[in-house]
Amino acid sequence: MYFEVDENPNYPNSVSMRFKELGPARAIKQLQVSDRKSEGELCWVTGWCDDATQPLCPAYAQPVEESGQGLAYLIYGGSWGIRLKPVALNEDWDLSSPNQWGEAFLLIASPRSIVYNDEPGDR
C-alpha cells in the first residue's frame, strides 16, 4: 500500500510512505490517543479531503507491517489526512478550531484503541 498526503490546511507537511497490508481496512469512528495527554483521551476521528463543500470522509484502520513493531494499525482518511477531536467536545468539525487537530495518519499498536463503525455504541 502506497500512502501519500500533500501539504494542506489540515496537516502542514507532505508525507509519502509505503506499508505492507496484513488485512482489510475497516471504517472507524473513535480512537484512544495519547498524543496530548499521557493518560490518553478518546477522540472522534474522521477523514479529511480537499472538497471544500464536503471535506469529511471516512477514516479507516488497516492492519499493516510496521518495521520495528511488527503488527500495527494504520489510521488514515482522505487526501488531506485525518482529523481528531475529543469525544467530550461538542462542536462541528472545523479546521480553525484550536480543540481539534489534523494528522496525515497515525500508527496504533493496540486494536483496543480503535472503535470501528460497525461496533454498537460509543465508548
N, C-alpha and C. Protein backbone atom coordinates (compact mmCIF):
# COMPACT_ATOMS: atom_id res chain seq x y z
N MET A 1 0.85 -1.17 0.00
CA MET A 1 0.00 0.00 0.00
C MET A 1 0.90 1.23 0.00
N TYR A 2 0.67 2.10 -0.97
CA TYR A 2 1.41 3.35 -1.04
C TYR A 2 0.51 4.44 -0.48
N PHE A 3 1.03 5.24 0.42
CA PHE A 3 0.25 6.23 1.14
C PHE A 3 0.88 7.61 0.96
N GLU A 4 0.06 8.60 0.57
CA GLU A 4 0.60 9.94 0.35
C GLU A 4 -0.42 11.01 0.76
N VAL A 5 0.07 12.00 1.50
CA VAL A 5 -0.72 13.18 1.85
C VAL A 5 0.15 14.39 1.56
N ASP A 6 -0.33 15.28 0.72
CA ASP A 6 0.40 16.51 0.41
C ASP A 6 0.13 17.56 1.48
N GLU A 7 1.02 18.53 1.58
CA GLU A 7 0.84 19.66 2.49
C GLU A 7 -0.54 20.28 2.25
N ASN A 8 -1.27 20.57 3.33
CA ASN A 8 -2.63 21.09 3.20
C ASN A 8 -3.05 21.81 4.48
N PRO A 9 -4.22 22.46 4.51
CA PRO A 9 -4.64 23.18 5.70
C PRO A 9 -4.90 22.30 6.93
N ASN A 10 -5.16 21.01 6.74
CA ASN A 10 -5.38 20.10 7.86
C ASN A 10 -4.08 19.60 8.47
N TYR A 11 -3.06 19.42 7.64
CA TYR A 11 -1.76 18.91 8.09
C TYR A 11 -0.67 19.60 7.28
N PRO A 12 0.26 20.31 7.95
CA PRO A 12 1.18 21.21 7.24
C PRO A 12 2.36 20.56 6.52
N ASN A 13 2.52 19.25 6.61
CA ASN A 13 3.68 18.60 5.98
C ASN A 13 3.24 17.59 4.93
N SER A 14 4.10 17.36 3.96
CA SER A 14 3.86 16.29 2.98
C SER A 14 4.40 14.98 3.53
N VAL A 15 3.67 13.90 3.28
CA VAL A 15 4.06 12.58 3.76
C VAL A 15 3.91 11.58 2.63
N SER A 16 4.89 10.73 2.48
CA SER A 16 4.85 9.67 1.48
C SER A 16 5.42 8.42 2.14
N MET A 17 4.62 7.37 2.27
CA MET A 17 5.03 6.15 2.96
C MET A 17 4.54 4.93 2.19
N ARG A 18 5.15 3.82 2.53
CA ARG A 18 4.73 2.55 1.95
C ARG A 18 4.56 1.55 3.08
N PHE A 19 3.47 0.79 3.06
CA PHE A 19 3.18 -0.19 4.10
C PHE A 19 2.80 -1.52 3.46
N LYS A 20 3.12 -2.60 4.15
CA LYS A 20 2.68 -3.93 3.72
C LYS A 20 1.36 -4.22 4.42
N GLU A 21 0.31 -4.39 3.63
CA GLU A 21 -1.02 -4.67 4.17
C GLU A 21 -1.06 -6.08 4.74
N LEU A 22 -1.66 -6.23 5.92
CA LEU A 22 -1.81 -7.54 6.54
C LEU A 22 -3.27 -7.95 6.69
N GLY A 23 -4.17 -7.13 6.20
CA GLY A 23 -5.59 -7.43 6.29
C GLY A 23 -6.39 -6.28 5.70
N PRO A 24 -7.72 -6.45 5.65
CA PRO A 24 -8.56 -5.41 5.06
C PRO A 24 -8.74 -4.21 5.98
N ALA A 25 -9.01 -3.06 5.38
CA ALA A 25 -9.31 -1.84 6.13
C ALA A 25 -10.75 -1.88 6.61
N ARG A 26 -10.98 -1.28 7.79
CA ARG A 26 -12.33 -1.15 8.34
C ARG A 26 -12.56 0.30 8.75
N ALA A 27 -13.76 0.80 8.50
CA ALA A 27 -14.10 2.18 8.87
C ALA A 27 -14.15 2.31 10.39
N ILE A 28 -13.65 3.45 10.90
CA ILE A 28 -13.62 3.69 12.34
C ILE A 28 -14.32 5.01 12.67
N LYS A 29 -14.70 5.16 13.96
CA LYS A 29 -15.35 6.40 14.40
C LYS A 29 -14.65 7.03 15.60
N GLN A 30 -13.98 6.23 16.41
CA GLN A 30 -13.28 6.77 17.58
C GLN A 30 -11.93 6.10 17.74
N LEU A 31 -11.06 6.80 18.48
CA LEU A 31 -9.69 6.33 18.66
C LEU A 31 -9.16 6.82 20.00
N GLN A 32 -8.55 5.94 20.75
CA GLN A 32 -7.89 6.32 22.00
C GLN A 32 -6.46 6.75 21.64
N VAL A 33 -6.13 8.01 21.92
CA VAL A 33 -4.80 8.53 21.59
C VAL A 33 -4.14 9.11 22.83
N SER A 34 -2.83 9.11 22.83
CA SER A 34 -2.09 9.66 23.98
C SER A 34 -1.11 10.74 23.54
N ASP A 35 -1.38 11.37 22.41
CA ASP A 35 -0.50 12.43 21.89
C ASP A 35 -0.51 13.68 22.76
N ARG A 36 -1.67 14.05 23.27
CA ARG A 36 -1.79 15.30 24.01
C ARG A 36 -1.86 15.10 25.52
N LYS A 37 -2.34 13.94 25.95
CA LYS A 37 -2.46 13.65 27.38
C LYS A 37 -1.82 12.29 27.65
N SER A 38 -0.95 12.22 28.64
CA SER A 38 -0.23 10.97 28.91
C SER A 38 -1.18 9.84 29.29
N GLU A 39 -2.31 10.16 29.94
CA GLU A 39 -3.28 9.13 30.30
C GLU A 39 -4.16 8.74 29.12
N GLY A 40 -4.02 9.46 28.02
CA GLY A 40 -4.80 9.18 26.82
C GLY A 40 -6.15 9.86 26.85
N GLU A 41 -6.75 9.95 25.69
CA GLU A 41 -8.10 10.50 25.58
C GLU A 41 -8.80 9.87 24.39
N LEU A 42 -10.09 9.65 24.55
CA LEU A 42 -10.89 9.09 23.48
C LEU A 42 -11.31 10.23 22.55
N CYS A 43 -11.10 10.05 21.26
CA CYS A 43 -11.39 11.10 20.28
C CYS A 43 -12.26 10.57 19.15
N TRP A 44 -13.09 11.47 18.62
CA TRP A 44 -13.74 11.22 17.35
C TRP A 44 -12.66 11.35 16.28
N VAL A 45 -12.79 10.58 15.23
CA VAL A 45 -11.84 10.67 14.12
C VAL A 45 -12.62 10.63 12.81
N THR A 46 -12.20 11.46 11.87
CA THR A 46 -12.81 11.48 10.54
C THR A 46 -11.71 11.65 9.51
N GLY A 47 -11.97 11.19 8.31
CA GLY A 47 -11.08 11.50 7.21
C GLY A 47 -11.35 12.92 6.74
N TRP A 48 -10.33 13.55 6.14
CA TRP A 48 -10.47 14.93 5.65
C TRP A 48 -9.98 14.97 4.21
N CYS A 49 -10.78 15.55 3.31
CA CYS A 49 -10.37 15.59 1.90
C CYS A 49 -10.38 17.02 1.38
N ASP A 50 -10.00 17.19 0.14
CA ASP A 50 -9.83 18.52 -0.44
C ASP A 50 -11.11 19.09 -1.06
N ASP A 51 -12.26 18.51 -0.77
CA ASP A 51 -13.54 19.02 -1.26
C ASP A 51 -14.05 20.09 -0.30
N ALA A 52 -14.01 21.35 -0.69
CA ALA A 52 -14.36 22.46 0.19
C ALA A 52 -15.81 22.40 0.67
N THR A 53 -16.72 21.86 -0.14
CA THR A 53 -18.13 21.79 0.26
C THR A 53 -18.42 20.58 1.15
N GLN A 54 -17.64 19.52 1.04
CA GLN A 54 -17.86 18.32 1.85
C GLN A 54 -16.50 17.69 2.18
N PRO A 55 -15.76 18.29 3.14
CA PRO A 55 -14.42 17.79 3.44
C PRO A 55 -14.37 16.49 4.23
N LEU A 56 -15.48 16.14 4.92
CA LEU A 56 -15.48 14.92 5.73
C LEU A 56 -15.59 13.68 4.85
N CYS A 57 -14.84 12.66 5.21
CA CYS A 57 -14.90 11.37 4.54
C CYS A 57 -14.55 10.31 5.58
N PRO A 58 -14.75 9.04 5.30
CA PRO A 58 -14.47 8.02 6.30
C PRO A 58 -12.99 7.97 6.70
N ALA A 59 -12.77 7.55 7.93
CA ALA A 59 -11.44 7.21 8.42
C ALA A 59 -11.39 5.69 8.55
N TYR A 60 -10.22 5.12 8.36
CA TYR A 60 -10.07 3.67 8.35
C TYR A 60 -8.91 3.23 9.23
N ALA A 61 -9.00 1.99 9.70
CA ALA A 61 -7.89 1.32 10.37
C ALA A 61 -7.55 0.10 9.54
N GLN A 62 -6.29 -0.05 9.19
CA GLN A 62 -5.86 -1.18 8.40
C GLN A 62 -4.64 -1.82 9.05
N PRO A 63 -4.70 -3.14 9.28
CA PRO A 63 -3.52 -3.81 9.82
C PRO A 63 -2.39 -3.79 8.79
N VAL A 64 -1.21 -3.36 9.24
CA VAL A 64 -0.04 -3.27 8.37
C VAL A 64 1.18 -3.78 9.13
N GLU A 65 2.21 -4.08 8.38
CA GLU A 65 3.50 -4.43 8.98
C GLU A 65 4.28 -3.13 9.18
N GLU A 66 4.72 -2.92 10.40
CA GLU A 66 5.47 -1.71 10.73
C GLU A 66 6.85 -2.13 11.18
N SER A 67 7.87 -1.72 10.44
CA SER A 67 9.23 -2.13 10.78
C SER A 67 9.56 -1.72 12.21
N GLY A 68 10.07 -2.66 12.97
CA GLY A 68 10.43 -2.40 14.35
C GLY A 68 9.32 -2.74 15.33
N GLN A 69 8.06 -2.71 14.91
CA GLN A 69 6.95 -3.01 15.81
C GLN A 69 6.20 -4.27 15.43
N GLY A 70 6.35 -4.74 14.21
CA GLY A 70 5.55 -5.87 13.75
C GLY A 70 4.19 -5.39 13.30
N LEU A 71 3.13 -5.97 13.87
CA LEU A 71 1.77 -5.60 13.51
C LEU A 71 1.41 -4.24 14.10
N ALA A 72 0.85 -3.37 13.27
CA ALA A 72 0.35 -2.07 13.71
C ALA A 72 -0.92 -1.78 12.91
N TYR A 73 -1.65 -0.77 13.34
CA TYR A 73 -2.87 -0.37 12.64
C TYR A 73 -2.67 1.02 12.07
N LEU A 74 -2.71 1.10 10.76
CA LEU A 74 -2.59 2.38 10.06
C LEU A 74 -3.96 3.06 10.08
N ILE A 75 -4.01 4.23 10.68
CA ILE A 75 -5.24 5.02 10.73
C ILE A 75 -5.10 6.11 9.67
N TYR A 76 -5.97 6.07 8.69
CA TYR A 76 -5.87 7.01 7.57
C TYR A 76 -7.25 7.46 7.12
N GLY A 77 -7.28 8.51 6.31
CA GLY A 77 -8.56 9.04 5.85
C GLY A 77 -8.49 9.50 4.41
N GLY A 78 -8.77 10.79 4.20
CA GLY A 78 -8.85 11.33 2.86
C GLY A 78 -7.54 11.90 2.36
N SER A 79 -7.64 12.64 1.27
CA SER A 79 -6.45 13.21 0.63
C SER A 79 -5.74 14.23 1.51
N TRP A 80 -6.43 14.75 2.54
CA TRP A 80 -5.82 15.67 3.50
C TRP A 80 -5.61 15.02 4.86
N GLY A 81 -5.66 13.70 4.93
CA GLY A 81 -5.36 13.00 6.18
C GLY A 81 -6.58 12.73 7.03
N ILE A 82 -6.37 12.78 8.35
CA ILE A 82 -7.44 12.56 9.32
C ILE A 82 -7.53 13.77 10.24
N ARG A 83 -8.66 13.89 10.91
CA ARG A 83 -8.85 14.97 11.89
C ARG A 83 -9.44 14.35 13.15
N LEU A 84 -8.99 14.85 14.30
CA LEU A 84 -9.42 14.32 15.59
C LEU A 84 -9.95 15.43 16.49
N LYS A 85 -10.88 15.04 17.37
CA LYS A 85 -11.37 15.95 18.41
C LYS A 85 -11.83 15.09 19.58
N PRO A 86 -11.63 15.56 20.81
CA PRO A 86 -12.05 14.79 21.98
C PRO A 86 -13.56 14.51 21.95
N VAL A 87 -13.96 13.32 22.42
CA VAL A 87 -15.40 12.99 22.41
C VAL A 87 -16.20 13.91 23.32
N ALA A 88 -15.56 14.48 24.34
CA ALA A 88 -16.25 15.40 25.25
C ALA A 88 -16.54 16.75 24.61
N LEU A 89 -15.91 17.04 23.50
CA LEU A 89 -16.07 18.31 22.81
C LEU A 89 -17.33 18.29 21.95
N ASN A 90 -18.19 19.26 22.15
CA ASN A 90 -19.43 19.32 21.40
C ASN A 90 -19.37 20.49 20.41
N GLU A 91 -18.68 20.27 19.30
CA GLU A 91 -18.61 21.28 18.24
C GLU A 91 -18.46 20.57 16.90
N ASP A 92 -18.86 21.27 15.84
CA ASP A 92 -18.73 20.72 14.50
C ASP A 92 -17.26 20.63 14.12
N TRP A 93 -16.97 19.79 13.13
CA TRP A 93 -15.62 19.70 12.61
C TRP A 93 -15.25 21.04 11.98
N ASP A 94 -14.04 21.53 12.28
CA ASP A 94 -13.65 22.86 11.82
C ASP A 94 -12.13 22.97 11.81
N LEU A 95 -11.56 23.29 10.66
CA LEU A 95 -10.11 23.44 10.56
C LEU A 95 -9.56 24.55 11.45
N SER A 96 -10.38 25.54 11.78
CA SER A 96 -9.90 26.66 12.58
C SER A 96 -10.06 26.44 14.09
N SER A 97 -10.63 25.33 14.51
CA SER A 97 -10.83 25.07 15.94
C SER A 97 -9.50 24.71 16.61
N PRO A 98 -9.16 25.39 17.72
CA PRO A 98 -7.94 25.04 18.46
C PRO A 98 -8.09 23.74 19.25
N ASN A 99 -9.32 23.22 19.34
CA ASN A 99 -9.60 21.99 20.09
C ASN A 99 -9.50 20.74 19.23
N GLN A 100 -9.27 20.91 17.94
CA GLN A 100 -9.17 19.80 17.00
C GLN A 100 -7.80 19.84 16.35
N TRP A 101 -7.37 18.71 15.83
CA TRP A 101 -6.07 18.69 15.16
C TRP A 101 -6.07 17.67 14.03
N GLY A 102 -5.19 17.92 13.08
CA GLY A 102 -5.07 17.05 11.92
C GLY A 102 -3.78 16.26 11.96
N GLU A 103 -3.81 15.11 11.33
CA GLU A 103 -2.64 14.25 11.17
C GLU A 103 -2.68 13.70 9.75
N ALA A 104 -1.53 13.41 9.19
CA ALA A 104 -1.50 12.73 7.89
C ALA A 104 -2.03 11.31 8.07
N PHE A 105 -1.58 10.66 9.14
CA PHE A 105 -2.00 9.31 9.50
C PHE A 105 -1.50 9.05 10.91
N LEU A 106 -1.93 7.96 11.51
CA LEU A 106 -1.39 7.50 12.79
C LEU A 106 -1.10 6.02 12.68
N LEU A 107 -0.13 5.54 13.42
CA LEU A 107 0.11 4.12 13.58
C LEU A 107 -0.21 3.77 15.02
N ILE A 108 -1.12 2.84 15.21
CA ILE A 108 -1.59 2.43 16.53
C ILE A 108 -1.17 0.98 16.76
N ALA A 109 -0.59 0.71 17.92
CA ALA A 109 -0.12 -0.64 18.22
C ALA A 109 -1.25 -1.57 18.67
N SER A 110 -2.20 -1.04 19.43
CA SER A 110 -3.23 -1.89 20.03
C SER A 110 -4.58 -1.73 19.35
N PRO A 111 -5.20 -2.84 18.95
CA PRO A 111 -6.55 -2.75 18.37
C PRO A 111 -7.58 -2.30 19.40
N ARG A 112 -7.26 -2.41 20.69
CA ARG A 112 -8.19 -1.97 21.75
C ARG A 112 -8.36 -0.45 21.74
N SER A 113 -7.48 0.26 21.06
CA SER A 113 -7.57 1.73 20.97
C SER A 113 -8.54 2.20 19.90
N ILE A 114 -9.09 1.27 19.13
CA ILE A 114 -9.90 1.60 17.95
C ILE A 114 -11.36 1.22 18.19
N VAL A 115 -12.29 2.13 17.86
CA VAL A 115 -13.72 1.82 17.85
C VAL A 115 -14.18 1.87 16.40
N TYR A 116 -14.59 0.71 15.89
CA TYR A 116 -15.00 0.59 14.49
C TYR A 116 -16.44 1.06 14.30
N ASN A 117 -16.76 1.51 13.10
CA ASN A 117 -18.12 1.97 12.78
C ASN A 117 -19.16 0.89 12.99
N ASP A 118 -18.81 -0.36 12.76
CA ASP A 118 -19.79 -1.43 12.87
C ASP A 118 -19.93 -1.98 14.30
N GLU A 119 -19.24 -1.37 15.28
CA GLU A 119 -19.41 -1.76 16.67
C GLU A 119 -20.56 -0.96 17.26
N PRO A 120 -21.42 -1.60 18.07
CA PRO A 120 -22.54 -0.86 18.65
C PRO A 120 -22.08 0.17 19.67
N GLY A 121 -22.75 1.32 19.69
CA GLY A 121 -22.49 2.35 20.69
C GLY A 121 -21.15 3.01 20.56
N ASP A 122 -20.87 3.86 21.52
CA ASP A 122 -19.60 4.57 21.61
C ASP A 122 -18.99 4.23 22.96
N ARG A 123 -17.73 4.54 23.13
CA ARG A 123 -17.09 4.31 24.43
C ARG A 123 -17.27 5.50 25.32
